[in-house]
Amino acid sequence: MDKRLALLTSIAELKSSHDEAALMLSRIMLGAIRAARDEDETPPLKSVRQYRKAIKELKIQCLQVEMILAEMEIPQHVH
């Protein structure tokens, strides 16, 4: 696969995962605020686990982007 295409694809996936994790965190924080006001129960454990999984996915995608960038920086020697 072309390195530029791989980089752009990885960055798009990274942004999508980031947006998903940010939305999950917003829901968790809203639940925490409601719990502090005694309006609702604490955020469900399932939500926290999903958020943790999303963060792990973000880390993996960040590493993929870093690897592609590192490959692009390595000079190609022709013998």
Protein backbone atom coordinates (compact mmCIF):
# COMPACT_ATOMS: atom_id res chain seq x y z
CA MET A 1 0.00 0.00 0.00
CA ASP A 2 1.19 3.49 -0.79
CA LYS A 3 2.67 5.05 2.36
CA ARG A 4 0.77 8.31 1.92
CA LEU A 5 -2.52 6.47 1.48
CA ALA A 6 -1.74 4.32 4.52
CA LEU A 7 -0.96 7.43 6.53
CA LEU A 8 -4.15 9.21 5.49
CA THR A 9 -6.23 6.11 6.21
CA SER A 10 -4.64 5.71 9.63
CA ILE A 11 -5.19 9.36 10.48
CA ALA A 12 -8.86 9.14 9.43
CA GLU A 13 -9.33 6.05 11.62
CA LEU A 14 -7.56 7.78 14.48
CA LYS A 15 -9.85 10.81 14.24
CA SER A 16 -12.95 8.63 14.11
CA SER A 17 -11.85 6.67 17.19
CA HIS A 18 -11.00 9.89 19.00
CA ASP A 19 -14.46 11.30 18.28
CA GLU A 20 -16.07 8.08 19.54
CA ALA A 21 -14.00 8.09 22.74
CA ALA A 22 -14.77 11.76 23.35
CA LEU A 23 -18.51 11.06 23.03
CA MET A 24 -18.23 8.15 25.46
CA LEU A 25 -16.35 10.29 27.95
CA SER A 26 -19.03 12.98 27.70
CA ARG A 27 -21.71 10.42 28.54
CA ILE A 28 -19.71 9.11 31.49
CA MET A 29 -19.12 12.62 32.80
CA LEU A 30 -22.81 13.49 32.44
CA GLY A 31 -23.66 10.37 34.44
CA ALA A 32 -21.12 11.35 37.11
CA ILE A 33 -22.60 14.86 37.37
CA ARG A 34 -26.11 13.41 37.73
CA ALA A 35 -24.87 10.99 40.39
CA ALA A 36 -23.27 13.86 42.31
CA ARG A 37 -26.62 15.69 42.22
CA ASP A 38 -28.47 12.52 43.23
CA GLU A 39 -30.43 12.72 39.97
CA ASP A 40 -29.33 9.38 38.61
CA GLU A 41 -27.17 6.38 39.33
CA THR A 42 -23.45 6.33 38.77
CA PRO A 43 -22.20 5.66 35.24
CA PRO A 44 -22.63 1.99 34.40
CA LEU A 45 -19.51 -0.13 34.56
CA LYS A 46 -20.18 -1.17 30.95
CA SER A 47 -19.71 2.46 29.81
CA VAL A 48 -16.42 2.75 31.64
CA ARG A 49 -15.19 -0.52 30.10
CA GLN A 50 -16.22 0.63 26.62
CA TYR A 51 -14.33 3.88 27.17
CA ARG A 52 -11.22 1.99 28.31
CA LYS A 53 -11.46 -0.19 25.18
CA ALA A 54 -11.78 2.91 22.98
CA ILE A 55 -8.68 4.42 24.58
CA LYS A 56 -6.72 1.22 23.91
CA GLU A 57 -7.82 1.38 20.27
CA LEU A 58 -6.66 4.99 20.07
CA LYS A 59 -3.23 4.00 21.39
CA ILE A 60 -2.92 1.27 18.77
CA GLN A 61 -3.91 3.65 15.98
CA CYS A 62 -1.44 6.26 17.23
CA LEU A 63 1.33 3.67 17.08
CA GLN A 64 0.31 2.76 13.51
CA VAL A 65 0.50 6.41 12.45
CA GLU A 66 3.90 6.78 14.16
CA MET A 67 5.21 3.67 12.38
CA ILE A 68 4.10 4.95 8.98
CA LEU A 69 5.65 8.35 9.66
CA ALA A 70 8.90 6.69 10.74
CA GLU A 71 8.96 4.65 7.53
CA MET A 72 8.45 7.80 5.50
CA GLU A 73 11.41 9.46 7.22
CA ILE A 74 13.83 6.57 6.57
CA PRO A 75 15.79 7.42 3.41
CA GLN A 76 15.44 4.92 0.62
CA HIS A 77 18.90 3.82 -0.56
CA VAL A 78 19.32 2.50 -4.06
CA HIS A 79 22.28 0.18 -4.59
